[in-house]
N, C-alpha and C. Protein backbone atom coordinates (compact mmCIF):
# COMPACT_ATOMS: atom_id res chain seq x y z
N MET A 1 -16.11 -10.87 -124.36
CA MET A 1 -14.92 -11.31 -124.63
C MET A 1 -13.63 -11.70 -125.51
N ALA A 2 -12.84 -10.79 -125.86
CA ALA A 2 -12.27 -11.43 -127.50
C ALA A 2 -11.33 -11.94 -126.83
N VAL A 3 -10.20 -13.09 -127.51
CA VAL A 3 -9.15 -13.47 -127.18
C VAL A 3 -8.53 -14.02 -128.17
N SER A 4 -7.50 -13.84 -128.13
CA SER A 4 -6.73 -13.97 -130.18
C SER A 4 -4.89 -14.45 -129.48
N ILE A 5 -4.53 -15.61 -129.94
CA ILE A 5 -3.61 -15.72 -129.46
C ILE A 5 -2.39 -15.58 -130.49
N LEU A 6 -1.29 -15.19 -131.08
CA LEU A 6 -0.24 -15.48 -132.13
C LEU A 6 0.50 -16.02 -131.45
N THR A 7 1.55 -16.60 -132.50
CA THR A 7 2.88 -17.00 -131.44
C THR A 7 3.81 -16.67 -130.46
N GLY A 8 3.38 -17.04 -129.33
CA GLY A 8 3.93 -16.55 -128.27
C GLY A 8 3.41 -15.30 -128.10
N CYS A 9 2.18 -14.75 -127.96
CA CYS A 9 1.20 -13.38 -127.78
C CYS A 9 0.17 -13.89 -127.48
N SER A 10 -0.45 -13.35 -126.02
CA SER A 10 -1.63 -13.71 -126.01
C SER A 10 -2.21 -11.96 -125.79
N THR A 11 -3.53 -11.68 -126.12
CA THR A 11 -4.73 -10.58 -125.60
C THR A 11 -5.89 -11.68 -125.28
N ILE A 12 -5.65 -10.23 -123.95
CA ILE A 12 -7.71 -10.66 -123.72
C ILE A 12 -7.91 -9.32 -123.99
N ASN A 13 -9.01 -9.30 -124.51
CA ASN A 13 -10.15 -7.87 -124.42
C ASN A 13 -11.41 -7.97 -123.98
N TYR A 14 -12.04 -7.24 -122.75
CA TYR A 14 -13.46 -7.13 -122.16
C TYR A 14 -14.00 -5.80 -121.91
N GLU A 15 -14.93 -5.61 -122.75
CA GLU A 15 -15.29 -4.46 -122.97
C GLU A 15 -17.32 -4.34 -122.88
N ASP A 16 -17.40 -3.68 -121.68
CA ASP A 16 -19.05 -3.47 -121.65
C ASP A 16 -19.40 -1.72 -121.48
N ALA A 17 -20.98 -1.72 -121.54
CA ALA A 17 -20.77 -0.30 -121.18
C ALA A 17 -20.01 0.92 -120.16
N GLU A 18 -19.93 -0.01 -119.36
CA GLU A 18 -19.02 0.74 -118.11
C GLU A 18 -17.52 -0.13 -117.85
N THR A 19 -17.32 -0.86 -118.85
CA THR A 19 -15.85 -1.41 -118.51
C THR A 19 -15.26 -1.74 -119.55
N LYS A 20 -13.61 -1.40 -119.00
CA LYS A 20 -12.51 -1.81 -120.36
C LYS A 20 -11.67 -2.22 -119.70
N PHE A 21 -11.46 -4.07 -120.37
CA PHE A 21 -10.12 -4.49 -119.45
C PHE A 21 -9.62 -4.99 -120.40
N SER A 22 -8.14 -5.34 -121.06
CA SER A 22 -7.30 -5.21 -121.49
C SER A 22 -6.40 -5.98 -121.20
N ARG A 23 -5.71 -7.23 -121.46
CA ARG A 23 -4.27 -7.78 -121.06
C ARG A 23 -3.68 -8.22 -122.07
N THR A 24 -2.15 -7.71 -122.54
CA THR A 24 -1.47 -8.32 -123.21
C THR A 24 -0.54 -9.22 -122.48
N SER A 25 0.28 -10.18 -123.53
CA SER A 25 1.39 -11.13 -122.65
C SER A 25 2.23 -11.24 -124.12
N PHE A 26 3.07 -11.40 -124.20
CA PHE A 26 4.33 -11.63 -125.11
C PHE A 26 5.51 -12.15 -124.60
N GLY A 27 6.05 -13.66 -125.38
CA GLY A 27 6.42 -14.67 -125.10
C GLY A 27 6.17 -15.61 -123.96
N ASN A 28 5.06 -15.64 -124.12
CA ASN A 28 4.17 -17.04 -123.21
C ASN A 28 2.54 -17.50 -123.46
N LYS A 29 1.94 -18.59 -123.29
CA LYS A 29 0.91 -18.55 -123.67
C LYS A 29 0.17 -18.65 -122.73
N LEU A 30 -1.59 -18.33 -122.90
CA LEU A 30 -2.26 -18.00 -121.84
C LEU A 30 -3.38 -18.22 -121.89
N SER A 31 -4.11 -19.23 -121.15
CA SER A 31 -5.13 -19.58 -121.09
C SER A 31 -6.29 -19.11 -119.96
N ILE A 32 -7.41 -18.65 -120.42
CA ILE A 32 -8.52 -18.67 -118.92
C ILE A 32 -9.67 -19.28 -119.32
N GLY A 33 -10.17 -20.55 -118.57
CA GLY A 33 -11.46 -21.14 -118.97
C GLY A 33 -12.70 -20.95 -118.61
N LYS A 34 -12.93 -19.70 -118.13
CA LYS A 34 -13.78 -18.97 -117.81
C LYS A 34 -13.79 -17.59 -116.94
N LEU A 35 -14.76 -16.88 -117.85
CA LEU A 35 -14.43 -15.25 -116.68
C LEU A 35 -15.87 -14.40 -117.14
N GLU A 36 -16.29 -14.32 -115.96
CA GLU A 36 -17.56 -13.50 -115.39
C GLU A 36 -17.60 -12.02 -114.48
N VAL A 37 -17.77 -11.36 -115.14
CA VAL A 37 -17.98 -10.24 -114.69
C VAL A 37 -19.68 -9.70 -114.37
N GLU A 38 -19.96 -9.47 -112.86
CA GLU A 38 -21.18 -9.38 -112.74
C GLU A 38 -21.18 -7.83 -111.88
N SER A 39 -21.97 -6.66 -112.24
CA SER A 39 -22.37 -6.06 -111.25
C SER A 39 -23.36 -5.84 -109.87
N LYS A 40 -22.50 -5.67 -108.89
CA LYS A 40 -23.35 -5.79 -107.40
C LYS A 40 -23.18 -4.78 -106.62
N ASP A 41 -24.39 -3.81 -106.63
CA ASP A 41 -24.51 -3.01 -105.50
C ASP A 41 -23.41 -1.85 -106.24
N GLY A 42 -23.13 -1.50 -107.29
CA GLY A 42 -22.22 -0.47 -107.84
C GLY A 42 -20.72 -0.69 -108.30
N LEU A 43 -20.53 -2.05 -107.80
CA LEU A 43 -19.31 -2.79 -107.96
C LEU A 43 -19.18 -3.63 -108.80
N LYS A 44 -18.01 -3.38 -109.33
CA LYS A 44 -17.24 -4.97 -110.77
C LYS A 44 -16.67 -5.81 -109.97
N VAL A 45 -17.72 -7.64 -109.96
CA VAL A 45 -17.24 -8.36 -109.18
C VAL A 45 -16.60 -9.12 -110.92
N VAL A 46 -15.47 -9.91 -111.00
CA VAL A 46 -14.51 -10.22 -111.95
C VAL A 46 -14.14 -11.93 -111.20
N LYS A 47 -15.22 -12.58 -111.62
CA LYS A 47 -14.45 -14.31 -111.51
C LYS A 47 -14.06 -15.13 -112.46
N MET A 48 -12.78 -15.42 -112.08
CA MET A 48 -11.96 -15.97 -113.67
C MET A 48 -11.27 -17.72 -112.81
N GLU A 49 -11.39 -18.31 -113.88
CA GLU A 49 -11.25 -19.66 -113.34
C GLU A 49 -10.72 -20.44 -114.66
N GLY A 50 -9.75 -21.27 -114.46
CA GLY A 50 -8.79 -22.21 -115.32
C GLY A 50 -7.51 -21.64 -116.04
N TYR A 51 -7.03 -20.79 -114.85
CA TYR A 51 -5.94 -19.74 -115.58
C TYR A 51 -4.91 -20.27 -115.78
N SER A 52 -4.18 -20.35 -116.22
CA SER A 52 -2.82 -20.94 -117.20
C SER A 52 -1.95 -19.78 -117.46
N ASN A 53 -1.03 -20.07 -117.23
CA ASN A 53 0.19 -19.50 -118.57
C ASN A 53 1.25 -20.27 -118.37
N ASP A 54 2.31 -20.07 -119.14
CA ASP A 54 3.94 -20.98 -119.24
C ASP A 54 4.72 -21.00 -117.96
N GLN A 55 4.68 -19.09 -117.93
CA GLN A 55 5.08 -19.05 -116.63
C GLN A 55 4.90 -19.71 -115.21
N VAL A 56 3.26 -20.39 -114.78
CA VAL A 56 2.65 -20.57 -113.86
C VAL A 56 3.24 -21.96 -113.77
N GLU A 57 3.56 -22.84 -115.44
CA GLU A 57 3.54 -23.94 -115.72
C GLU A 57 4.99 -24.63 -114.84
N ALA A 58 5.78 -23.58 -115.55
CA ALA A 58 7.03 -23.41 -115.19
C ALA A 58 7.54 -23.70 -113.39
N ILE A 59 7.28 -22.80 -112.93
CA ILE A 59 7.18 -22.60 -111.70
C ILE A 59 6.42 -24.07 -110.65
N LYS A 60 5.18 -24.49 -111.16
CA LYS A 60 4.55 -25.94 -110.61
C LYS A 60 5.90 -26.88 -111.38
N ILE A 61 5.85 -26.61 -112.24
CA ILE A 61 7.29 -28.26 -111.99
C ILE A 61 8.42 -27.94 -111.47
N ALA A 62 9.19 -26.51 -110.92
CA ALA A 62 10.25 -26.50 -110.30
C ALA A 62 9.84 -26.80 -108.51
N VAL A 63 8.46 -26.60 -108.41
CA VAL A 63 7.82 -26.51 -107.52
C VAL A 63 7.54 -27.90 -106.74
N GLU A 64 7.42 -29.22 -107.59
CA GLU A 64 7.02 -30.47 -107.49
C GLU A 64 8.29 -31.09 -107.64
N ALA A 65 9.25 -30.49 -108.04
CA ALA A 65 10.88 -31.00 -108.43
C ALA A 65 11.46 -30.40 -106.91
N ALA A 66 11.31 -29.53 -106.62
CA ALA A 66 11.92 -29.28 -105.27
C ALA A 66 11.56 -30.45 -103.78
N VAL A 67 10.26 -30.00 -103.92
CA VAL A 67 9.35 -30.89 -103.05
C VAL A 67 9.50 -32.76 -102.80
N ALA A 68 9.40 -33.11 -104.34
CA ALA A 68 10.43 -34.77 -104.35
C ALA A 68 11.38 -34.73 -104.06
N ALA A 69 12.22 -34.02 -104.17
CA ALA A 69 13.82 -33.81 -103.53
C ALA A 69 14.31 -33.73 -101.97
N ALA A 70 13.14 -33.18 -101.51
CA ALA A 70 13.35 -32.85 -100.23
C ALA A 70 12.67 -34.15 -99.24
N VAL A 71 11.50 -34.81 -100.36
CA VAL A 71 10.86 -36.13 -99.29
C VAL A 71 11.89 -36.53 -99.88
N LYS A 72 12.35 -37.36 -100.82
CA LYS A 72 13.48 -38.44 -100.95
C LYS A 72 14.92 -37.90 -99.93
N ALA A 73 15.01 -36.56 -99.86
CA ALA A 73 16.31 -36.61 -98.39
C ALA A 73 15.83 -36.62 -97.62
N ALA A 74 14.37 -36.88 -96.80
CA ALA A 74 14.32 -37.00 -95.77
C ALA A 74 13.97 -38.54 -95.04
N VAL A 75 13.62 -39.22 -96.48
CA VAL A 75 13.43 -40.87 -96.02
C VAL A 75 14.66 -41.67 -95.82
N PRO A 76 14.83 -42.29 -94.51
CA PRO A 76 16.59 -42.81 -93.84
C PRO A 76 16.55 -43.88 -95.40
N VAL A 77 17.55 -44.02 -95.02
CA VAL A 77 18.07 -45.17 -96.40
C VAL A 77 18.29 -46.25 -95.10
N ALA A 78 17.90 -47.63 -95.62
CA ALA A 78 17.72 -48.59 -94.46
C ALA A 78 19.22 -49.01 -94.82
N PRO A 79 19.88 -50.20 -93.71
CA PRO A 79 21.07 -50.10 -94.12
C PRO A 79 21.12 -51.44 -94.77
């Protein structure tokens, strides 16, 4: 597996005797902690751990803020 990171651009390439995989992302950062490819009974099994990119992080922040606002609005104010 080869990962090259340029300013705002990420490319991931994987290639073996039977499989070729490539993903390019422009305008955001991408990271993968671990990528495993196994062959079981003629099927390729891909396991990916630690996937993160800027878009996922932005959604996470927005959801956390929305939940915090909903909880704050739901808590009654003492007189």
